[in-house]
Structures are given as C-alpha cells and as structure tokens.
Protein backbone atom coordinates (compact mmCIF):
# COMPACT_ATOMS: atom_id res chain seq x y z
CA MET A 1 67.10 127.23 114.92
CA LEU A 2 69.82 126.93 117.69
CA TYR A 3 70.67 123.45 119.10
CA GLN A 4 72.70 123.01 122.40
CA GLY A 5 76.31 123.74 121.79
CA ASP A 6 75.68 126.83 119.62
CA CYS A 7 74.63 129.40 122.27
CA ALA A 8 78.41 129.99 122.24
CA GLU A 9 79.04 130.17 118.82
CA TYR A 10 76.26 132.43 118.17
CA ALA A 11 77.08 135.02 121.24
CA LEU A 12 80.56 134.94 119.68
CA GLN A 13 79.48 136.27 116.60
CA TYR A 14 77.54 138.86 118.60
CA PRO A 15 78.99 139.69 121.54
CA TYR A 16 78.40 143.41 121.12
CA ASP A 17 75.27 145.43 121.78
CA SER A 18 75.15 148.83 119.63
CA VAL A 19 77.15 150.43 122.35
CA GLY A 20 80.16 147.69 121.81
CA ILE A 21 79.71 146.39 125.36
CA VAL A 22 79.71 142.57 125.73
CA VAL A 23 76.47 141.18 126.06
CA SER A 24 74.52 138.08 127.15
CA VAL A 25 72.27 136.21 124.77
CA ILE A 26 69.33 134.36 125.64
CA CYS A 27 68.89 131.43 122.82
CA LEU A 28 66.53 128.26 122.40
CA THR A 29 68.14 124.88 122.94
CA ALA A 30 67.02 122.10 120.75
CA ALA A 31 65.19 120.73 124.00
CA GLY A 32 62.79 124.53 123.44
CA LEU A 33 65.03 125.94 127.03
CA CYS A 34 66.13 129.26 127.47
CA CYS A 35 70.17 129.25 128.65
CA LYS A 36 72.44 132.50 129.21
CA VAL A 37 75.88 132.46 127.33
CA ALA A 38 78.04 135.02 128.07
CA ALA A 39 80.28 135.86 125.20
CA ARG A 40 82.81 135.75 127.01
CA LYS A 41 83.38 133.07 129.77
CA ARG A 42 81.88 130.19 126.58
CA ARG A 43 79.52 128.77 128.86
CA LYS A 44 77.07 125.63 127.87
CA CYS A 45 73.87 125.64 128.09
CA LEU A 46 72.05 124.53 131.21
CA MET A 47 68.76 122.71 131.37
CA LYS A 48 66.47 121.29 133.73
CA TRP A 49 66.56 117.43 133.45
CA ILE A 50 62.84 115.94 134.69
CA PRO A 51 63.42 112.09 135.58
CA GLY A 52 60.97 109.66 134.29
CA ALA A 53 62.05 106.50 136.76
CA GLY A 54 65.23 106.78 138.59
CA ARG A 55 67.62 109.34 138.82
CA ALA A 56 71.17 109.51 136.91
CA GLU A 57 74.91 111.99 136.63
CA VAL A 58 73.79 115.42 134.63
CA THR A 59 76.58 114.78 132.75
CA GLN A 60 75.88 111.28 131.70
CA LEU A 61 72.22 112.45 130.50
CA GLU A 62 74.25 115.33 128.92
CA ALA A 63 77.03 113.17 126.93
CA ASP A 64 73.78 111.65 125.76
CA TYR A 65 71.22 114.18 124.80
CA THR A 66 74.08 114.63 122.79
CA LYS A 67 74.53 111.75 120.64
CA SER A 68 71.00 111.09 120.39
CA THR A 69 69.38 110.75 117.21
CA VAL A 70 66.17 113.17 116.61
CA GLN A 71 62.51 111.32 115.90
CA GLY A 72 59.83 113.44 115.75
CA LYS A 73 59.30 114.54 119.94
CA PHE A 74 61.62 112.32 120.67
CA ARG A 75 65.34 112.27 120.90
CA LEU A 76 66.68 108.48 121.10
CA GLY A 77 69.86 107.91 122.74
CA GLU A 78 72.00 105.13 123.61
CA THR A 79 71.54 104.34 127.10
CA TYR A 80 68.06 106.89 127.88
CA LEU A 81 64.28 108.01 125.95
CA PHE A 82 64.31 111.93 126.14
CA ARG A 83 61.42 114.21 125.35
CA LYS A 84 60.70 117.95 125.16
CA LYS A 85 58.23 119.41 128.49
CA ALA A 86 57.46 122.55 128.82
CA LEU A 87 60.05 123.22 131.39
CA GLY A 88 62.88 120.98 130.68
CA VAL A 89 63.29 117.37 129.62
CA TRP A 90 61.62 114.41 130.71
CA TYR A 91 64.08 111.23 130.58
CA LEU A 92 64.25 108.04 131.02
CA ALA A 93 66.62 105.08 130.91
CA TRP A 94 65.90 101.67 128.78
CA ARG A 95 66.48 99.62 130.95
CA GLU A 96 64.16 100.75 133.50
CA ILE A 97 61.15 100.50 130.18
CA LEU A 98 59.72 96.40 131.30
CA TRP A 99 56.45 96.98 129.03
CA ALA A 100 55.69 99.58 126.01
CA TYR A 101 52.65 99.41 123.82
CA ARG A 102 51.26 102.12 121.07
CA GLN A 103 47.51 102.73 121.81
CA VAL A 104 45.02 104.23 119.21
CA GLU A 105 42.42 106.22 121.11
CA ASP A 106 39.37 106.54 118.02
CA VAL A 107 37.84 109.63 119.30
CA GLN A 108 34.27 111.50 118.19
CA SER A 109 34.44 115.16 117.73
CA ARG A 110 30.99 116.90 117.35
CA LEU A 111 31.71 119.81 114.84
CA CYS A 112 28.41 122.45 113.60
CA CYS A 113 27.21 120.65 110.71
CA GLY A 114 27.54 116.48 112.08
CA THR A 115 30.84 114.41 113.90
CA THR A 116 34.03 113.37 112.59
CA ASN A 117 36.41 110.60 114.36
CA TYR A 118 39.70 110.86 114.61
CA GLU A 119 42.71 108.54 116.28
CA VAL A 120 44.48 110.13 118.92
CA GLU A 121 47.70 108.04 119.28
CA HIS A 122 49.45 107.27 122.99
CA LEU A 123 52.79 105.47 124.36
CA ILE A 124 52.35 103.79 126.97
CA LEU A 125 55.31 103.05 129.60
CA VAL A 126 55.24 100.32 132.23
CA THR A 127 58.49 100.90 134.47
CA ALA A 128 60.12 99.10 136.71
CA GLY A 129 58.80 101.07 139.95
CA GLY A 130 55.01 100.04 138.62
CA GLY A 131 54.87 103.97 137.09
CA ARG A 132 52.99 104.20 134.05
CA THR A 133 53.52 106.61 131.57
CA ASP A 134 51.17 107.91 129.32
CA ILE A 135 53.05 109.80 126.14
CA ARG A 136 50.78 111.37 123.53
CA LEU A 137 52.24 111.46 119.89
CA GLU A 138 51.38 113.07 116.26
CA GLY A 139 51.93 109.93 114.18
CA LYS A 140 52.21 106.39 114.21
CA GLN A 141 56.33 106.75 113.12
CA ASP A 142 56.75 108.39 115.89
CA ALA A 143 55.39 106.04 118.45
CA GLU A 144 57.63 102.74 115.96
CA ALA A 145 60.39 103.86 115.82
CA VAL A 146 60.52 104.40 119.43
CA LEU A 147 59.41 100.57 120.21
CA ALA A 148 62.23 99.36 117.42
CA TRP A 149 64.67 101.52 119.48
CA LEU A 150 64.03 99.95 122.41
CA ALA A 151 63.80 96.42 121.64
CA ARG A 152 67.67 97.17 120.41
CA SER A 153 68.64 99.06 123.56
CA ASN A 154 66.69 97.07 126.18
CA PRO A 155 65.49 93.63 124.59
CA ALA A 156 64.15 92.41 127.77
CA ALA A 157 60.87 94.91 127.90
CA ASP A 158 57.57 92.97 126.82
CA ILE A 159 56.29 95.45 123.16
CA GLY A 160 52.71 95.42 121.79
CA PHE A 161 49.90 95.02 124.09
CA SER A 162 48.40 91.28 124.97
CA PRO A 163 44.97 90.83 128.20
CA ASP A 164 48.22 88.57 129.54
CA LYS A 165 50.84 90.88 129.65
CA LYS A 166 48.17 93.79 130.50
CA LYS A 167 47.67 91.82 133.87
CA LYS A 168 51.02 90.74 134.52
CA TYR A 169 51.54 94.76 134.98
CA GLU A 170 48.76 95.38 136.72
CA ASN A 171 49.73 96.84 140.09
C-alpha cells in the first residue's frame, strides 16, 4: 500500500518504462485517491477535499492530514476529522461539531432458513450550521475513538445521547 508522499519515491524507483522513457506513475494515496506523479518533477499527490461544514485552506488540510492518527476509516487530526469517501477526503473541523453520539441500530434480516438480528453502528455528528452527518461504522471502537478525540479537541461539544440534547439540537 502506498501512502501520501510515497508516490514521488515510488516514481523515482521506477522512473523508466522498458524502452527507457520517463513515465508518470498512477498510485494510491492513503485516502484511496489516484494521483499522477511525474518522476522528474517530484510533484505531490493531489487530493480532492470534500467539506463537511465550512471551508478550509488546502495547505492547512494537507498539513493536518499528514500528521493525523489513523483509526479505522477515520484519520484524527489536531484540527480536523477526516474520512475517506469514494471521490475524495471528507473533512470536518472539530470546532464545528456541537453534538456527537454513537447510535446502534438493531436490524432484522431474513435468511433462507430463518431470521437473524445484527447491530449496525452509526456515528451521528451535529454541526454548527444545523447539519447532521450520519456515518456508518464497522465497529464500536471507531466511534469510541472519535468521541474521545472530540472530547479532547472540542471540550464544548456535547457527547452522548439524551432526550434533552435531542430537543436542544432539533432544527
């Protein structure tokens, strides 16, 4: 797996095709995006940034992204929460989050020989603009890690579900 910044090094290792001509290398960044790197120019990987709420400078996003900690499908930065999407990297500033909680949904599924129940984990984020983001998770540990990081990064945010909080943040 290639990570952001590794593209240039990879291109330098394999700069020529079988004829000896300099080629461009298509590689995957940590965000799962394609970036085109010319071996001789040592260009950086390009990412498409998808805002969750508000806008940010690309240089600030890139700096926070490279320093961020990986937790499942998330990258936890000092200023932003990042998540890989199909065509880019979704980001949300910690300071924009007003309320966050983990929601567990019990889903019943019918099979050929009967029924079964399974749990689906969601992380719900309510932002300053009244936006609500519902992120489906693979496991409980991802939500707990994001909520713990949020508590450290934005102590003013409400964490956890209660009927009072629901009334408070209803649009």
